[in-house]
Amino acid sequence: MRARLVIGSQPLTTDYISRVTLDPVNKRTIKAELDPESQKNSVLEFLRNEWKFEALTSKGGVERCQVDFHVNFQLKDGNTIHKILLAQLFNTELFKKMFEAFVQRVEHVQKVKKARSPSPSFS
C-alpha cells in the first residue's frame, strides 16, 4: 500500500509518499519507508517508521493493545536555514500528523466493526 502525507502550511510545506507493509509473519508490525519515486523530489534523504502492536490483557471486557512507534529520518543537504526550519517542522508536525492519521484509521475500523456486529435481540 502507498500513503501520502502533506506536512506544514504555506509557504513551508512538503509532502511525500511512503510504501507501507504489514509483516506477513506475525501481522503485528507495520513498516513504512519513503517511496523511491517520492524521494527524488522530497526534502527527505530517507524516512522509515515502524508500528508494533502488542495485545494486552483486557480490563472489564475492553480489549486493549500497546502501540510502539519509531521514526527515523534525515533531511537532504541544502540551505542551512531551510533545513533548520524543516527539521523543526518534521519534529513537531510529522509525528502529530502520523498519530492523527493512525487514530482516524482506528476510529474508522471500529465503526465498521460495530456496524457489522449483530445487534442484540430482546425477547
N, C-alpha and C. Protein backbone atom coordinates (compact mmCIF):
# COMPACT_ATOMS: atom_id res chain seq x y z
N MET A 1 0.85 -1.15 0.00
CA MET A 1 0.00 0.00 0.00
C MET A 1 0.91 1.23 0.00
N ARG A 2 0.39 2.32 -0.55
CA ARG A 2 1.11 3.59 -0.53
C ARG A 2 0.27 4.62 0.20
N ALA A 3 0.94 5.50 0.93
CA ALA A 3 0.24 6.54 1.69
C ALA A 3 0.93 7.88 1.45
N ARG A 4 0.15 8.93 1.27
CA ARG A 4 0.69 10.27 1.04
C ARG A 4 0.42 11.14 2.26
N LEU A 5 1.42 11.93 2.66
CA LEU A 5 1.27 12.83 3.80
C LEU A 5 1.80 14.20 3.43
N VAL A 6 1.01 15.24 3.72
CA VAL A 6 1.41 16.63 3.50
C VAL A 6 1.68 17.25 4.86
N ILE A 7 2.83 17.92 4.98
CA ILE A 7 3.23 18.50 6.26
C ILE A 7 3.49 19.97 6.07
N GLY A 8 3.03 20.78 7.03
CA GLY A 8 3.33 22.21 7.03
C GLY A 8 2.16 23.05 6.57
N SER A 9 2.42 24.33 6.44
CA SER A 9 1.45 25.27 5.90
C SER A 9 2.23 26.28 5.06
N GLN A 10 1.54 26.90 4.15
CA GLN A 10 2.22 27.83 3.24
C GLN A 10 2.98 28.89 4.01
N PRO A 11 4.15 29.28 3.62
CA PRO A 11 4.86 28.90 2.40
C PRO A 11 5.76 27.67 2.58
N LEU A 12 5.76 27.07 3.75
CA LEU A 12 6.67 25.96 4.02
C LEU A 12 5.89 24.66 4.14
N THR A 13 5.71 24.00 3.01
CA THR A 13 5.03 22.70 3.03
C THR A 13 5.89 21.69 2.28
N THR A 14 5.68 20.47 2.61
CA THR A 14 6.33 19.38 1.89
C THR A 14 5.41 18.17 1.96
N ASP A 15 5.55 17.30 1.00
CA ASP A 15 4.75 16.08 1.03
C ASP A 15 5.62 14.92 0.57
N TYR A 16 5.18 13.74 0.87
CA TYR A 16 5.91 12.55 0.46
C TYR A 16 4.95 11.38 0.42
N ILE A 17 5.39 10.33 -0.25
CA ILE A 17 4.63 9.09 -0.33
C ILE A 17 5.47 7.99 0.29
N SER A 18 4.84 7.20 1.13
CA SER A 18 5.50 6.06 1.77
C SER A 18 4.95 4.76 1.23
N ARG A 19 5.81 3.75 1.20
CA ARG A 19 5.36 2.38 0.93
C ARG A 19 5.12 1.74 2.29
N VAL A 20 3.93 1.24 2.51
CA VAL A 20 3.54 0.69 3.81
C VAL A 20 3.32 -0.81 3.67
N THR A 21 3.94 -1.57 4.57
CA THR A 21 3.80 -3.03 4.52
C THR A 21 3.49 -3.59 5.90
N LEU A 22 2.73 -4.65 5.91
CA LEU A 22 2.42 -5.39 7.13
C LEU A 22 3.32 -6.62 7.16
N ASP A 23 3.94 -6.87 8.29
CA ASP A 23 4.79 -8.04 8.44
C ASP A 23 3.93 -9.27 8.15
N PRO A 24 4.26 -10.04 7.11
CA PRO A 24 3.40 -11.17 6.74
C PRO A 24 3.44 -12.33 7.72
N VAL A 25 4.46 -12.37 8.58
CA VAL A 25 4.60 -13.49 9.50
C VAL A 25 3.77 -13.26 10.77
N ASN A 26 4.08 -12.19 11.51
CA ASN A 26 3.38 -12.01 12.78
C ASN A 26 2.19 -11.06 12.69
N LYS A 27 2.06 -10.32 11.63
CA LYS A 27 0.93 -9.40 11.40
C LYS A 27 0.71 -8.44 12.56
N ARG A 28 1.80 -8.12 13.28
CA ARG A 28 1.71 -7.17 14.38
C ARG A 28 2.65 -5.99 14.17
N THR A 29 3.35 -5.98 13.04
CA THR A 29 4.30 -4.91 12.77
C THR A 29 4.00 -4.30 11.40
N ILE A 30 3.90 -2.98 11.37
CA ILE A 30 3.70 -2.25 10.12
C ILE A 30 4.94 -1.39 9.91
N LYS A 31 5.51 -1.46 8.71
CA LYS A 31 6.69 -0.67 8.38
C LYS A 31 6.36 0.23 7.19
N ALA A 32 6.94 1.43 7.22
CA ALA A 32 6.77 2.36 6.11
C ALA A 32 8.12 2.98 5.78
N GLU A 33 8.38 3.08 4.49
CA GLU A 33 9.61 3.71 4.01
C GLU A 33 9.27 4.66 2.90
N LEU A 34 10.10 5.67 2.74
CA LEU A 34 9.91 6.65 1.68
C LEU A 34 9.92 5.96 0.33
N ASP A 35 8.90 6.20 -0.46
CA ASP A 35 8.80 5.63 -1.79
C ASP A 35 9.95 6.18 -2.65
N PRO A 36 10.67 5.32 -3.40
CA PRO A 36 11.80 5.80 -4.19
C PRO A 36 11.45 6.92 -5.17
N GLU A 37 10.28 6.85 -5.79
CA GLU A 37 9.87 7.92 -6.71
C GLU A 37 9.63 9.22 -5.97
N SER A 38 9.04 9.13 -4.79
CA SER A 38 8.77 10.31 -3.97
C SER A 38 10.07 10.92 -3.46
N GLN A 39 11.04 10.07 -3.19
CA GLN A 39 12.32 10.53 -2.63
C GLN A 39 13.06 11.46 -3.58
N LYS A 40 12.89 11.28 -4.87
CA LYS A 40 13.58 12.10 -5.87
C LYS A 40 13.25 13.58 -5.70
N ASN A 41 11.99 13.89 -5.39
CA ASN A 41 11.54 15.28 -5.28
C ASN A 41 11.32 15.72 -3.84
N SER A 42 11.70 14.89 -2.90
CA SER A 42 11.44 15.16 -1.50
C SER A 42 12.62 15.89 -0.84
N VAL A 43 12.34 16.54 0.26
CA VAL A 43 13.39 17.15 1.08
C VAL A 43 14.03 16.08 1.97
N LEU A 44 13.48 14.88 1.94
CA LEU A 44 13.97 13.80 2.77
C LEU A 44 15.01 12.95 2.07
N GLU A 45 16.10 12.68 2.77
CA GLU A 45 17.09 11.71 2.28
C GLU A 45 16.53 10.31 2.48
N PHE A 46 15.96 10.08 3.67
CA PHE A 46 15.27 8.83 3.94
C PHE A 46 14.25 9.05 5.06
N LEU A 47 13.30 8.14 5.13
CA LEU A 47 12.29 8.14 6.18
C LEU A 47 11.87 6.70 6.39
N ARG A 48 11.94 6.25 7.63
CA ARG A 48 11.48 4.91 7.99
C ARG A 48 10.67 5.03 9.28
N ASN A 49 9.57 4.34 9.31
CA ASN A 49 8.86 4.26 10.57
C ASN A 49 8.29 2.87 10.75
N GLU A 50 8.04 2.55 12.00
CA GLU A 50 7.58 1.21 12.34
C GLU A 50 6.57 1.30 13.47
N TRP A 51 5.49 0.58 13.31
CA TRP A 51 4.45 0.49 14.32
C TRP A 51 4.41 -0.96 14.78
N LYS A 52 4.51 -1.19 16.08
CA LYS A 52 4.41 -2.54 16.63
C LYS A 52 3.22 -2.58 17.58
N PHE A 53 2.41 -3.59 17.43
CA PHE A 53 1.20 -3.74 18.24
C PHE A 53 1.32 -4.98 19.12
N GLU A 54 0.99 -4.81 20.39
CA GLU A 54 1.04 -5.93 21.32
C GLU A 54 -0.28 -5.97 22.10
N ALA A 55 -0.95 -7.11 22.03
CA ALA A 55 -2.20 -7.27 22.75
C ALA A 55 -1.93 -7.28 24.25
N LEU A 56 -2.77 -6.58 24.99
CA LEU A 56 -2.68 -6.56 26.45
C LEU A 56 -3.90 -7.28 27.01
N THR A 57 -3.82 -7.66 28.25
CA THR A 57 -4.98 -8.31 28.87
C THR A 57 -6.12 -7.32 28.94
N SER A 58 -7.31 -7.82 28.72
CA SER A 58 -8.48 -6.92 28.74
C SER A 58 -8.85 -6.55 30.17
N LYS A 59 -9.42 -5.38 30.30
CA LYS A 59 -9.91 -4.92 31.61
C LYS A 59 -11.40 -4.65 31.48
N GLY A 60 -12.16 -5.35 32.26
CA GLY A 60 -13.60 -5.14 32.23
C GLY A 60 -14.23 -5.40 30.87
N GLY A 61 -13.67 -6.36 30.12
CA GLY A 61 -14.23 -6.70 28.82
C GLY A 61 -13.78 -5.78 27.70
N VAL A 62 -12.92 -4.81 27.99
CA VAL A 62 -12.43 -3.88 26.96
C VAL A 62 -11.09 -4.38 26.44
N GLU A 63 -11.04 -4.62 25.13
CA GLU A 63 -9.78 -5.06 24.52
C GLU A 63 -8.81 -3.89 24.47
N ARG A 64 -7.54 -4.19 24.76
CA ARG A 64 -6.53 -3.13 24.75
C ARG A 64 -5.29 -3.62 24.03
N CYS A 65 -4.49 -2.67 23.56
CA CYS A 65 -3.19 -3.04 22.99
C CYS A 65 -2.21 -1.90 23.22
N GLN A 66 -0.95 -2.25 23.21
CA GLN A 66 0.12 -1.26 23.33
C GLN A 66 0.68 -1.04 21.93
N VAL A 67 0.93 0.23 21.58
CA VAL A 67 1.48 0.57 20.28
C VAL A 67 2.83 1.24 20.49
N ASP A 68 3.87 0.66 19.91
CA ASP A 68 5.20 1.26 19.91
C ASP A 68 5.43 1.85 18.53
N PHE A 69 5.84 3.11 18.48
CA PHE A 69 6.01 3.83 17.23
C PHE A 69 7.41 4.41 17.17
N HIS A 70 8.14 4.08 16.11
CA HIS A 70 9.51 4.56 15.94
C HIS A 70 9.64 5.23 14.58
N VAL A 71 10.31 6.39 14.55
CA VAL A 71 10.54 7.11 13.31
C VAL A 71 12.02 7.46 13.20
N ASN A 72 12.55 7.30 12.01
CA ASN A 72 13.93 7.67 11.73
C ASN A 72 13.93 8.39 10.38
N PHE A 73 14.46 9.61 10.32
CA PHE A 73 14.50 10.33 9.06
C PHE A 73 15.73 11.22 8.99
N GLN A 74 16.07 11.59 7.78
CA GLN A 74 17.16 12.54 7.57
C GLN A 74 16.78 13.44 6.41
N LEU A 75 17.01 14.73 6.59
CA LEU A 75 16.75 15.69 5.53
C LEU A 75 17.95 15.74 4.59
N LYS A 76 17.67 16.05 3.32
CA LYS A 76 18.75 16.19 2.35
C LYS A 76 19.57 17.43 2.68
N ASP A 77 20.83 17.40 2.27
CA ASP A 77 21.67 18.59 2.44
C ASP A 77 21.10 19.72 1.60
N GLY A 78 21.28 20.92 2.08
CA GLY A 78 20.77 22.07 1.35
C GLY A 78 20.99 23.32 2.16
N ASN A 79 20.20 24.33 1.89
CA ASN A 79 20.26 25.59 2.60
C ASN A 79 20.10 25.34 4.10
N THR A 80 21.05 25.81 4.90
CA THR A 80 21.06 25.53 6.33
C THR A 80 19.82 26.07 7.04
N ILE A 81 19.43 27.30 6.73
CA ILE A 81 18.24 27.89 7.38
C ILE A 81 16.99 27.10 7.00
N HIS A 82 16.88 26.78 5.73
CA HIS A 82 15.73 25.99 5.26
C HIS A 82 15.71 24.63 5.94
N LYS A 83 16.88 24.03 6.08
CA LYS A 83 16.98 22.72 6.72
C LYS A 83 16.58 22.79 8.20
N ILE A 84 17.00 23.85 8.89
CA ILE A 84 16.62 24.02 10.30
C ILE A 84 15.11 24.17 10.44
N LEU A 85 14.51 24.98 9.57
CA LEU A 85 13.05 25.16 9.62
C LEU A 85 12.32 23.85 9.33
N LEU A 86 12.79 23.13 8.33
CA LEU A 86 12.16 21.85 8.00
C LEU A 86 12.34 20.84 9.13
N ALA A 87 13.51 20.82 9.75
CA ALA A 87 13.74 19.90 10.86
C ALA A 87 12.77 20.17 12.00
N GLN A 88 12.54 21.45 12.31
CA GLN A 88 11.58 21.80 13.36
C GLN A 88 10.17 21.37 12.96
N LEU A 89 9.84 21.59 11.69
CA LEU A 89 8.53 21.20 11.18
C LEU A 89 8.34 19.69 11.29
N PHE A 90 9.34 18.94 10.87
CA PHE A 90 9.24 17.49 10.94
C PHE A 90 9.18 17.00 12.38
N ASN A 91 9.96 17.60 13.24
CA ASN A 91 9.99 17.15 14.64
C ASN A 91 8.69 17.44 15.38
N THR A 92 7.92 18.39 14.93
CA THR A 92 6.65 18.68 15.60
C THR A 92 5.47 18.12 14.81
N GLU A 93 5.38 18.49 13.55
CA GLU A 93 4.17 18.18 12.79
C GLU A 93 4.13 16.76 12.23
N LEU A 94 5.27 16.22 11.83
CA LEU A 94 5.29 14.89 11.24
C LEU A 94 4.69 13.86 12.18
N PHE A 95 5.17 13.83 13.41
CA PHE A 95 4.69 12.84 14.37
C PHE A 95 3.22 13.06 14.71
N LYS A 96 2.84 14.32 14.83
CA LYS A 96 1.44 14.65 15.12
C LYS A 96 0.53 14.17 13.99
N LYS A 97 0.92 14.43 12.75
CA LYS A 97 0.11 14.01 11.60
C LYS A 97 0.01 12.49 11.52
N MET A 98 1.14 11.80 11.74
CA MET A 98 1.12 10.33 11.68
C MET A 98 0.21 9.77 12.76
N PHE A 99 0.31 10.32 13.95
CA PHE A 99 -0.51 9.84 15.05
C PHE A 99 -1.99 10.11 14.77
N GLU A 100 -2.31 11.31 14.28
CA GLU A 100 -3.70 11.65 13.97
C GLU A 100 -4.26 10.72 12.89
N ALA A 101 -3.46 10.43 11.86
CA ALA A 101 -3.91 9.53 10.81
C ALA A 101 -4.16 8.13 11.37
N PHE A 102 -3.30 7.69 12.28
CA PHE A 102 -3.47 6.39 12.92
C PHE A 102 -4.78 6.35 13.71
N VAL A 103 -5.03 7.37 14.52
CA VAL A 103 -6.24 7.42 15.34
C VAL A 103 -7.48 7.44 14.45
N GLN A 104 -7.46 8.22 13.38
CA GLN A 104 -8.60 8.27 12.46
C GLN A 104 -8.87 6.90 11.85
N ARG A 105 -7.81 6.19 11.50
CA ARG A 105 -7.98 4.87 10.91
C ARG A 105 -8.57 3.89 11.93
N VAL A 106 -8.07 3.94 13.16
CA VAL A 106 -8.61 3.07 14.21
C VAL A 106 -10.09 3.37 14.42
N GLU A 107 -10.44 4.64 14.49
CA GLU A 107 -11.85 5.02 14.69
C GLU A 107 -12.71 4.52 13.53
N HIS A 108 -12.20 4.62 12.30
CA HIS A 108 -12.94 4.14 11.14
C HIS A 108 -13.16 2.62 11.21
N VAL A 109 -12.09 1.90 11.53
CA VAL A 109 -12.19 0.43 11.62
C VAL A 109 -13.17 0.03 12.71
N GLN A 110 -13.12 0.73 13.85
CA GLN A 110 -14.04 0.41 14.95
C GLN A 110 -15.49 0.65 14.55
N LYS A 111 -15.75 1.71 13.81
CA LYS A 111 -17.13 1.99 13.34
C LYS A 111 -17.60 0.89 12.39
N VAL A 112 -16.72 0.46 11.50
CA VAL A 112 -17.08 -0.61 10.57
C VAL A 112 -17.35 -1.89 11.33
N LYS A 113 -16.51 -2.22 12.30
CA LYS A 113 -16.73 -3.43 13.11
C LYS A 113 -18.06 -3.36 13.84
N LYS A 114 -18.34 -2.20 14.42
CA LYS A 114 -19.60 -2.03 15.16
C LYS A 114 -20.80 -2.19 14.25
N ALA A 115 -20.70 -1.63 13.06
CA ALA A 115 -21.81 -1.73 12.09
C ALA A 115 -22.03 -3.16 11.63
N ARG A 116 -20.97 -3.96 11.60
CA ARG A 116 -21.08 -5.35 11.14
C ARG A 116 -21.49 -6.31 12.24
N SER A 117 -21.29 -5.92 13.51
CA SER A 117 -21.61 -6.85 14.59
C SER A 117 -23.12 -6.95 14.75
N PRO A 118 -23.60 -8.15 15.04
CA PRO A 118 -25.05 -8.33 15.18
C PRO A 118 -25.61 -7.57 16.37
N SER A 119 -26.78 -7.02 16.18
CA SER A 119 -27.44 -6.32 17.29
C SER A 119 -28.02 -7.32 18.26
N PRO A 120 -27.99 -6.99 19.53
CA PRO A 120 -28.60 -7.92 20.49
C PRO A 120 -30.11 -8.01 20.27
N SER A 121 -30.66 -9.19 20.44
CA SER A 121 -32.11 -9.33 20.27
C SER A 121 -32.74 -9.49 21.66
N PHE A 122 -33.87 -8.87 21.80
CA PHE A 122 -34.60 -8.93 23.07
C PHE A 122 -35.90 -9.66 22.85
N SER A 123 -36.24 -10.56 23.76
CA SER A 123 -37.49 -11.30 23.63
C SER A 123 -38.50 -10.81 24.61
